[in-house]
Each structure stands twice: as structure tokens, then as C-alpha cells.
Amino acid sequence: MKNKNTRTIEQVYRSAVSGLYARLRSNYDFIYRKFGDDGLKLIADMSREYGLSVAERAKSRLEKTDLESVAGYLLRIFDTVARGQDLVSTVEESKDRIIVRVNRCPLDFDNPDMCQAHTTMERTVVETLNPRLTYRIGKSLPAGDGCCEHIIEVKK
């Protein structure tokens, strides 16, 4: 049988990323069901390790690691995750802080603790690229808010 795939490369990409995210979410749910809070720690540890590898690659791509450059790199990650669909709703910038608001969760989290464990990757990327910066989640869709806020700010 010959594969008669007539999808465009963009359709294949979107489908592949969607499938990978569904699998990642399934793996997270399995780990959490099996190990409870220890599973969340395991997910955070995995996310931290991955974040370190992403930060290493980013160091060779970024000319500067100031607030704007690091937040821009995070936006690039979000654009990749979005698969060509709207994800970022607004970006609020000030001298000391950038807030990236997203209108949907690519992994459809319904557990705020799972979201925190997963976004250890983003925290690791930001804080590894510039130790004078910090990353945190403000509002959270899994917590029932209308959006998620990814906050990158200069440490006080």
C-alpha cells in the first residue's frame, strides 16, 4: 500500500505537534495518578532538565540576555507551541516586567499544580539565561482565571 498523504507541510506539522502534546499530557496524567505529589516533583524535575538544554541552545542564539531579549525568546517558544493559531492575547511591557497573557492552554491543564510543574521549563530558561530575572505564573486558566499570565521580571 502506498501512502497517499496529500496534507501540506503545515498540516503535518500542526498534527504532529498536537499529537506530541496529547502524548505529553497523557504521560503527565499517568505520572500524577501513579505517584501523586511525588509525580508533580518528577514532572518539575523533567521540565527543569529540559529547560536547561533549551537555555543552552538559546545562549548561542541571543545577542543579549536582557529582559526584552529573554521575554522575546519565550514568545518565540510560545509561537512554536501555538502551531499557527492564536495563543498570545496580549503582551504588557514596562521597564522591570513583561507579562505575556495567553488565551488557551496548549496542554489543556485543569490542575494548577500540574501547570506549575510543567512551566518549570519556562522558569528555568528565563532564570538560566539571566539570573537577575525571575519567572512566575500570575493568573492561570487551570485555576479558573480567564487567561494565563507568564510574568518575566527583574528581581528586586
N, C-alpha and C. Protein backbone atom coordinates (compact mmCIF):
# COMPACT_ATOMS: atom_id res chain seq x y z
N MET A 1 0.86 -1.17 0.00
CA MET A 1 0.00 0.00 0.00
C MET A 1 0.90 1.24 0.00
N LYS A 2 0.57 2.17 -0.84
CA LYS A 2 1.33 3.40 -0.96
C LYS A 2 0.68 4.48 -0.09
N ASN A 3 1.50 5.25 0.61
CA ASN A 3 0.99 6.34 1.43
C ASN A 3 0.60 7.49 0.52
N LYS A 4 -0.67 7.85 0.55
CA LYS A 4 -1.18 8.92 -0.30
C LYS A 4 -1.47 10.16 0.54
N ASN A 5 -0.48 10.60 1.27
CA ASN A 5 -0.63 11.77 2.13
C ASN A 5 -0.63 13.03 1.28
N THR A 6 -1.74 13.71 1.25
CA THR A 6 -1.85 14.94 0.46
C THR A 6 -1.86 16.19 1.34
N ARG A 7 -1.53 16.01 2.62
CA ARG A 7 -1.52 17.17 3.53
C ARG A 7 -0.31 18.06 3.24
N THR A 8 -0.50 19.35 3.49
CA THR A 8 0.61 20.28 3.35
C THR A 8 1.57 20.08 4.53
N ILE A 9 2.78 20.62 4.39
CA ILE A 9 3.76 20.51 5.47
C ILE A 9 3.23 21.18 6.74
N GLU A 10 2.51 22.27 6.58
CA GLU A 10 1.93 22.95 7.74
C GLU A 10 0.88 22.07 8.43
N GLN A 11 0.05 21.38 7.65
CA GLN A 11 -0.94 20.48 8.24
C GLN A 11 -0.26 19.33 8.97
N VAL A 12 0.79 18.79 8.38
CA VAL A 12 1.54 17.71 9.03
C VAL A 12 2.15 18.21 10.33
N TYR A 13 2.76 19.40 10.30
CA TYR A 13 3.38 19.99 11.50
C TYR A 13 2.36 20.17 12.61
N ARG A 14 1.23 20.80 12.28
CA ARG A 14 0.20 21.04 13.31
C ARG A 14 -0.29 19.72 13.91
N SER A 15 -0.50 18.75 13.07
CA SER A 15 -0.97 17.45 13.53
C SER A 15 0.08 16.78 14.42
N ALA A 16 1.33 16.85 14.01
CA ALA A 16 2.40 16.22 14.79
C ALA A 16 2.56 16.88 16.15
N VAL A 17 2.55 18.20 16.19
CA VAL A 17 2.70 18.91 17.47
C VAL A 17 1.50 18.62 18.36
N SER A 18 0.30 18.64 17.79
CA SER A 18 -0.90 18.32 18.58
C SER A 18 -0.80 16.92 19.17
N GLY A 19 -0.35 15.98 18.37
CA GLY A 19 -0.19 14.62 18.85
C GLY A 19 0.85 14.50 19.94
N LEU A 20 1.96 15.21 19.77
CA LEU A 20 3.01 15.18 20.80
C LEU A 20 2.52 15.80 22.11
N TYR A 21 1.75 16.88 22.01
CA TYR A 21 1.22 17.49 23.24
C TYR A 21 0.19 16.58 23.91
N ALA A 22 -0.62 15.91 23.11
CA ALA A 22 -1.58 14.97 23.70
C ALA A 22 -0.84 13.85 24.42
N ARG A 23 0.23 13.36 23.82
CA ARG A 23 1.01 12.30 24.45
C ARG A 23 1.70 12.81 25.72
N LEU A 24 2.27 14.02 25.67
CA LEU A 24 2.91 14.59 26.86
C LEU A 24 1.90 14.74 27.99
N ARG A 25 0.72 15.25 27.68
CA ARG A 25 -0.32 15.41 28.70
C ARG A 25 -0.72 14.06 29.27
N SER A 26 -0.84 13.06 28.41
CA SER A 26 -1.18 11.71 28.86
C SER A 26 -0.10 11.17 29.79
N ASN A 27 1.17 11.40 29.43
CA ASN A 27 2.28 10.96 30.29
C ASN A 27 2.22 11.67 31.64
N TYR A 28 2.01 12.98 31.63
CA TYR A 28 1.90 13.73 32.88
C TYR A 28 0.77 13.18 33.75
N ASP A 29 -0.40 12.97 33.13
CA ASP A 29 -1.54 12.45 33.90
C ASP A 29 -1.22 11.08 34.50
N PHE A 30 -0.56 10.22 33.74
CA PHE A 30 -0.18 8.90 34.24
C PHE A 30 0.76 9.03 35.44
N ILE A 31 1.78 9.86 35.29
CA ILE A 31 2.75 10.05 36.38
C ILE A 31 2.05 10.58 37.63
N TYR A 32 1.15 11.53 37.46
CA TYR A 32 0.44 12.11 38.60
C TYR A 32 -0.48 11.08 39.26
N ARG A 33 -1.21 10.30 38.45
CA ARG A 33 -2.08 9.26 39.02
C ARG A 33 -1.26 8.23 39.79
N LYS A 34 -0.13 7.87 39.25
CA LYS A 34 0.70 6.81 39.83
C LYS A 34 1.44 7.28 41.09
N PHE A 35 1.92 8.53 41.09
CA PHE A 35 2.81 8.99 42.17
C PHE A 35 2.31 10.20 42.94
N GLY A 36 1.18 10.78 42.58
CA GLY A 36 0.63 11.92 43.31
C GLY A 36 1.59 13.10 43.34
N ASP A 37 1.77 13.71 44.51
CA ASP A 37 2.64 14.88 44.64
C ASP A 37 4.09 14.57 44.26
N ASP A 38 4.54 13.35 44.53
CA ASP A 38 5.89 12.97 44.08
C ASP A 38 5.98 12.98 42.55
N GLY A 39 4.86 12.67 41.89
CA GLY A 39 4.81 12.73 40.44
C GLY A 39 4.94 14.16 39.94
N LEU A 40 4.32 15.10 40.65
CA LEU A 40 4.46 16.51 40.27
C LEU A 40 5.91 16.95 40.39
N LYS A 41 6.58 16.48 41.42
CA LYS A 41 8.01 16.81 41.58
C LYS A 41 8.81 16.21 40.43
N LEU A 42 8.48 14.99 40.04
CA LEU A 42 9.16 14.36 38.92
C LEU A 42 8.94 15.14 37.62
N ILE A 43 7.71 15.59 37.39
CA ILE A 43 7.40 16.40 36.20
C ILE A 43 8.19 17.71 36.24
N ALA A 44 8.25 18.34 37.40
CA ALA A 44 9.02 19.58 37.53
C ALA A 44 10.50 19.32 37.27
N ASP A 45 11.02 18.23 37.79
CA ASP A 45 12.44 17.89 37.56
C ASP A 45 12.72 17.65 36.08
N MET A 46 11.82 16.93 35.40
CA MET A 46 11.97 16.70 33.96
C MET A 46 11.93 18.02 33.20
N SER A 47 11.01 18.89 33.60
CA SER A 47 10.86 20.19 32.94
C SER A 47 12.09 21.06 33.18
N ARG A 48 12.65 21.00 34.37
CA ARG A 48 13.86 21.76 34.69
C ARG A 48 15.03 21.28 33.82
N GLU A 49 15.18 19.98 33.72
CA GLU A 49 16.27 19.43 32.91
C GLU A 49 16.13 19.84 31.45
N TYR A 50 14.91 19.76 30.93
CA TYR A 50 14.69 20.18 29.55
C TYR A 50 14.95 21.68 29.39
N GLY A 51 14.50 22.47 30.36
CA GLY A 51 14.73 23.91 30.33
C GLY A 51 16.21 24.27 30.28
N LEU A 52 17.03 23.51 30.98
CA LEU A 52 18.48 23.76 30.94
C LEU A 52 19.02 23.53 29.53
N SER A 53 18.54 22.51 28.84
CA SER A 53 19.01 22.25 27.47
C SER A 53 18.52 23.34 26.52
N VAL A 54 17.31 23.81 26.71
CA VAL A 54 16.78 24.89 25.87
C VAL A 54 17.59 26.16 26.11
N ALA A 55 17.89 26.46 27.37
CA ALA A 55 18.67 27.67 27.70
C ALA A 55 20.06 27.61 27.07
N GLU A 56 20.67 26.43 27.06
CA GLU A 56 22.00 26.30 26.45
C GLU A 56 21.94 26.63 24.96
N ARG A 57 20.90 26.12 24.27
CA ARG A 57 20.75 26.44 22.85
C ARG A 57 20.47 27.92 22.65
N ALA A 58 19.67 28.49 23.54
CA ALA A 58 19.31 29.91 23.42
C ALA A 58 20.52 30.82 23.58
N LYS A 59 21.45 30.43 24.43
CA LYS A 59 22.64 31.26 24.66
C LYS A 59 23.40 31.52 23.37
N SER A 60 23.42 30.56 22.47
CA SER A 60 24.14 30.75 21.21
C SER A 60 23.33 31.57 20.21
N ARG A 61 22.05 31.73 20.45
CA ARG A 61 21.18 32.45 19.51
C ARG A 61 20.91 33.90 19.93
N LEU A 62 21.04 34.18 21.20
CA LEU A 62 20.72 35.51 21.70
C LEU A 62 21.96 36.38 21.79
N GLU A 63 21.87 37.59 21.29
CA GLU A 63 22.99 38.52 21.42
C GLU A 63 23.03 39.11 22.82
N LYS A 64 21.84 39.35 23.38
CA LYS A 64 21.73 39.91 24.74
C LYS A 64 20.79 39.03 25.55
N THR A 65 20.91 39.12 26.85
CA THR A 65 20.00 38.38 27.73
C THR A 65 19.31 39.34 28.69
N ASP A 66 18.97 40.51 28.19
CA ASP A 66 18.21 41.47 28.99
C ASP A 66 16.75 41.03 29.04
N LEU A 67 15.95 41.76 29.79
CA LEU A 67 14.53 41.42 29.97
C LEU A 67 13.82 41.26 28.63
N GLU A 68 13.98 42.21 27.75
CA GLU A 68 13.28 42.17 26.47
C GLU A 68 13.72 40.99 25.61
N SER A 69 15.00 40.70 25.57
CA SER A 69 15.52 39.60 24.75
C SER A 69 15.06 38.24 25.27
N VAL A 70 15.11 38.06 26.59
CA VAL A 70 14.69 36.78 27.18
C VAL A 70 13.19 36.60 27.00
N ALA A 71 12.41 37.64 27.23
CA ALA A 71 10.96 37.54 27.03
C ALA A 71 10.65 37.27 25.56
N GLY A 72 11.41 37.88 24.65
CA GLY A 72 11.23 37.63 23.23
C GLY A 72 11.50 36.18 22.87
N TYR A 73 12.51 35.59 23.51
CA TYR A 73 12.80 34.18 23.26
C TYR A 73 11.65 33.30 23.76
N LEU A 74 11.10 33.65 24.91
CA LEU A 74 9.96 32.91 25.44
C LEU A 74 8.76 33.04 24.50
N LEU A 75 8.55 34.23 23.94
CA LEU A 75 7.47 34.42 22.97
C LEU A 75 7.68 33.55 21.73
N ARG A 76 8.92 33.40 21.33
CA ARG A 76 9.24 32.53 20.19
C ARG A 76 8.83 31.09 20.50
N ILE A 77 9.11 30.64 21.72
CA ILE A 77 8.69 29.30 22.14
C ILE A 77 7.17 29.19 22.08
N PHE A 78 6.47 30.20 22.61
CA PHE A 78 5.01 30.18 22.61
C PHE A 78 4.45 30.16 21.18
N ASP A 79 5.09 30.91 20.27
CA ASP A 79 4.63 30.90 18.88
C ASP A 79 4.78 29.51 18.26
N THR A 80 5.86 28.82 18.60
CA THR A 80 6.06 27.46 18.10
C THR A 80 4.98 26.53 18.64
N VAL A 81 4.70 26.67 19.93
CA VAL A 81 3.69 25.85 20.60
C VAL A 81 2.29 26.11 20.02
N ALA A 82 2.06 27.34 19.59
CA ALA A 82 0.73 27.73 19.12
C ALA A 82 0.31 27.04 17.83
N ARG A 83 1.29 26.49 17.09
CA ARG A 83 1.00 25.77 15.85
C ARG A 83 0.24 26.63 14.84
N GLY A 84 0.60 27.92 14.76
CA GLY A 84 -0.03 28.80 13.78
C GLY A 84 -1.38 29.35 14.20
N GLN A 85 -1.81 29.04 15.41
CA GLN A 85 -3.08 29.55 15.91
C GLN A 85 -2.80 30.61 16.98
N ASP A 86 -3.77 31.46 17.23
CA ASP A 86 -3.59 32.48 18.26
C ASP A 86 -3.43 31.82 19.62
N LEU A 87 -2.39 32.21 20.31
CA LEU A 87 -2.15 31.74 21.68
C LEU A 87 -1.95 32.95 22.57
N VAL A 88 -1.04 33.83 22.18
CA VAL A 88 -0.75 35.02 22.96
C VAL A 88 -1.82 36.06 22.67
N SER A 89 -2.48 36.54 23.73
CA SER A 89 -3.52 37.54 23.53
C SER A 89 -2.95 38.95 23.69
N THR A 90 -2.12 39.18 24.69
CA THR A 90 -1.51 40.50 24.89
C THR A 90 -0.13 40.34 25.51
N VAL A 91 0.68 41.37 25.30
CA VAL A 91 1.98 41.48 25.94
C VAL A 91 2.03 42.86 26.57
N GLU A 92 2.20 42.90 27.88
CA GLU A 92 2.28 44.17 28.60
C GLU A 92 3.72 44.37 29.03
N GLU A 93 4.30 45.49 28.62
CA GLU A 93 5.72 45.74 28.90
C GLU A 93 5.89 46.97 29.78
N SER A 94 6.81 46.87 30.72
CA SER A 94 7.28 48.02 31.48
C SER A 94 8.79 47.88 31.62
N LYS A 95 9.40 48.80 32.29
CA LYS A 95 10.86 48.79 32.43
C LYS A 95 11.36 47.55 33.17
N ASP A 96 10.60 47.08 34.15
CA ASP A 96 11.03 45.99 35.03
C ASP A 96 10.29 44.67 34.83
N ARG A 97 9.26 44.67 33.94
CA ARG A 97 8.44 43.47 33.86
C ARG A 97 7.75 43.37 32.50
N ILE A 98 7.63 42.13 32.04
CA ILE A 98 6.85 41.83 30.84
C ILE A 98 5.86 40.74 31.21
N ILE A 99 4.60 40.98 30.90
CA ILE A 99 3.55 40.00 31.17
C ILE A 99 3.01 39.52 29.83
N VAL A 100 3.13 38.22 29.59
CA VAL A 100 2.61 37.60 28.38
C VAL A 100 1.32 36.89 28.78
N ARG A 101 0.21 37.34 28.22
CA ARG A 101 -1.08 36.71 28.51
C ARG A 101 -1.44 35.78 27.36
N VAL A 102 -1.82 34.57 27.72
CA VAL A 102 -2.25 33.59 26.72
C VAL A 102 -3.70 33.22 26.98
N ASN A 103 -4.41 32.97 25.89
CA ASN A 103 -5.86 32.77 25.99
C ASN A 103 -6.29 31.31 26.00
N ARG A 104 -5.33 30.40 25.86
CA ARG A 104 -5.67 28.97 25.95
C ARG A 104 -4.43 28.21 26.38
N CYS A 105 -4.67 27.05 26.93
CA CYS A 105 -3.58 26.20 27.40
C CYS A 105 -3.34 25.11 26.34
N PRO A 106 -2.14 25.06 25.76
CA PRO A 106 -1.88 24.05 24.74
C PRO A 106 -2.02 22.62 25.26
N LEU A 107 -1.85 22.43 26.56
CA LEU A 107 -1.98 21.08 27.13
C LEU A 107 -3.32 20.89 27.86
N ASP A 108 -4.16 21.89 27.81
CA ASP A 108 -5.50 21.82 28.42
C ASP A 108 -5.44 21.40 29.89
N PHE A 109 -4.50 21.96 30.64
CA PHE A 109 -4.40 21.63 32.06
C PHE A 109 -5.66 22.07 32.79
N ASP A 110 -6.08 21.25 33.75
CA ASP A 110 -7.16 21.62 34.64
C ASP A 110 -6.69 21.60 36.09
N ASN A 111 -5.42 21.32 36.29
CA ASN A 111 -4.81 21.25 37.61
C ASN A 111 -3.71 22.32 37.70
N PRO A 112 -3.90 23.35 38.51
CA PRO A 112 -2.88 24.41 38.62
C PRO A 112 -1.51 23.88 39.03
N ASP A 113 -1.47 22.84 39.85
CA ASP A 113 -0.18 22.28 40.28
C ASP A 113 0.55 21.62 39.11
N MET A 114 -0.20 20.99 38.21
CA MET A 114 0.40 20.38 37.02
C MET A 114 0.98 21.48 36.14
N CYS A 115 0.26 22.57 36.01
CA CYS A 115 0.74 23.72 35.22
C CYS A 115 2.05 24.25 35.82
N GLN A 116 2.09 24.39 37.13
CA GLN A 116 3.31 24.89 37.79
C GLN A 116 4.48 23.94 37.55
N ALA A 117 4.22 22.65 37.64
CA ALA A 117 5.29 21.67 37.40
C ALA A 117 5.80 21.77 35.96
N HIS A 118 4.88 21.85 35.01
CA HIS A 118 5.24 21.92 33.59
C HIS A 118 6.01 23.20 33.28
N THR A 119 5.57 24.33 33.80
CA THR A 119 6.20 25.61 33.47
C THR A 119 7.52 25.82 34.23
N THR A 120 7.97 24.81 34.93
CA THR A 120 9.33 24.85 35.47
C THR A 120 10.32 25.01 34.32
N MET A 121 9.97 24.51 33.14
CA MET A 121 10.84 24.68 31.97
C MET A 121 11.01 26.15 31.65
N GLU A 122 9.92 26.90 31.56
CA GLU A 122 10.00 28.31 31.24
C GLU A 122 10.79 29.07 32.32
N ARG A 123 10.51 28.75 33.58
CA ARG A 123 11.23 29.39 34.68
C ARG A 123 12.74 29.12 34.56
N THR A 124 13.09 27.89 34.26
CA THR A 124 14.49 27.51 34.12
C THR A 124 15.15 28.25 32.96
N VAL A 125 14.47 28.34 31.84
CA VAL A 125 15.02 29.05 30.68
C VAL A 125 15.29 30.51 31.05
N VAL A 126 14.30 31.18 31.59
CA VAL A 126 14.43 32.60 31.93
C VAL A 126 15.55 32.81 32.94
N GLU A 127 15.53 32.06 34.03
CA GLU A 127 16.46 32.31 35.13
C GLU A 127 17.87 31.81 34.84
N THR A 128 18.00 30.88 33.88
CA THR A 128 19.33 30.45 33.45
C THR A 128 19.94 31.47 32.48
N LEU A 129 19.12 31.99 31.59
CA LEU A 129 19.61 32.99 30.64
C LEU A 129 20.03 34.28 31.34
N ASN A 130 19.30 34.64 32.39
CA ASN A 130 19.64 35.87 33.12
C ASN A 130 19.25 35.69 34.59
N PRO A 131 20.22 35.41 35.46
CA PRO A 131 19.94 35.20 36.88
C PRO A 131 19.35 36.43 37.59
N ARG A 132 19.37 37.59 36.92
CA ARG A 132 18.76 38.78 37.51
C ARG A 132 17.26 38.87 37.20
N LEU A 133 16.77 37.89 36.42
CA LEU A 133 15.35 37.83 36.08
C LEU A 133 14.68 36.70 36.83
N THR A 134 13.37 36.81 36.98
CA THR A 134 12.58 35.74 37.56
C THR A 134 11.34 35.53 36.70
N TYR A 135 10.79 34.35 36.78
CA TYR A 135 9.61 33.97 36.00
C TYR A 135 8.59 33.40 36.96
N ARG A 136 7.33 33.76 36.73
CA ARG A 136 6.26 33.17 37.52
C ARG A 136 4.96 33.22 36.74
N ILE A 137 4.03 32.40 37.17
CA ILE A 137 2.68 32.41 36.62
C ILE A 137 1.84 33.33 37.50
N GLY A 138 1.13 34.26 36.88
CA GLY A 138 0.18 35.11 37.61
C GLY A 138 -1.18 34.44 37.57
N LYS A 139 -2.04 34.96 36.74
CA LYS A 139 -3.34 34.32 36.53
C LYS A 139 -3.12 33.00 35.81
N SER A 140 -4.11 32.10 35.99
CA SER A 140 -3.94 30.75 35.44
C SER A 140 -5.28 30.19 34.99
N LEU A 141 -5.35 29.74 33.74
CA LEU A 141 -6.56 29.09 33.24
C LEU A 141 -6.94 27.88 34.09
N PRO A 142 -5.98 27.00 34.46
CA PRO A 142 -6.36 25.85 35.28
C PRO A 142 -6.91 26.24 36.66
N ALA A 143 -6.57 27.45 37.12
CA ALA A 143 -7.09 27.92 38.41
C ALA A 143 -8.43 28.62 38.25
N GLY A 144 -8.92 28.71 37.01
CA GLY A 144 -10.22 29.30 36.77
C GLY A 144 -10.18 30.75 36.28
N ASP A 145 -8.99 31.29 36.06
CA ASP A 145 -8.88 32.65 35.54
C ASP A 145 -9.19 32.65 34.04
N GLY A 146 -9.40 33.83 33.48
CA GLY A 146 -9.75 33.96 32.07
C GLY A 146 -8.56 33.87 31.13
N CYS A 147 -7.35 33.87 31.67
CA CYS A 147 -6.14 33.76 30.86
C CYS A 147 -5.01 33.28 31.76
N CYS A 148 -3.89 32.97 31.14
CA CYS A 148 -2.67 32.69 31.90
C CYS A 148 -1.75 33.88 31.73
N GLU A 149 -1.07 34.24 32.81
CA GLU A 149 -0.08 35.31 32.75
C GLU A 149 1.29 34.70 33.03
N HIS A 150 2.16 34.83 32.04
CA HIS A 150 3.56 34.44 32.19
C HIS A 150 4.32 35.72 32.47
N ILE A 151 4.82 35.86 33.68
CA ILE A 151 5.43 37.12 34.11
C ILE A 151 6.93 36.95 34.22
N ILE A 152 7.65 37.77 33.46
CA ILE A 152 9.11 37.80 33.50
C ILE A 152 9.47 39.17 34.06
N GLU A 153 10.24 39.17 35.14
CA GLU A 153 10.55 40.46 35.74
C GLU A 153 11.94 40.48 36.34
N VAL A 154 12.44 41.70 36.51
CA VAL A 154 13.74 41.92 37.14
C VAL A 154 13.56 41.66 38.62
N LYS A 155 14.48 40.85 39.20
CA LYS A 155 14.43 40.57 40.64
C LYS A 155 14.65 41.86 41.41
N LYS A 156 13.94 41.97 42.51
CA LYS A 156 14.07 43.17 43.34
C LYS A 156 15.06 42.96 44.44
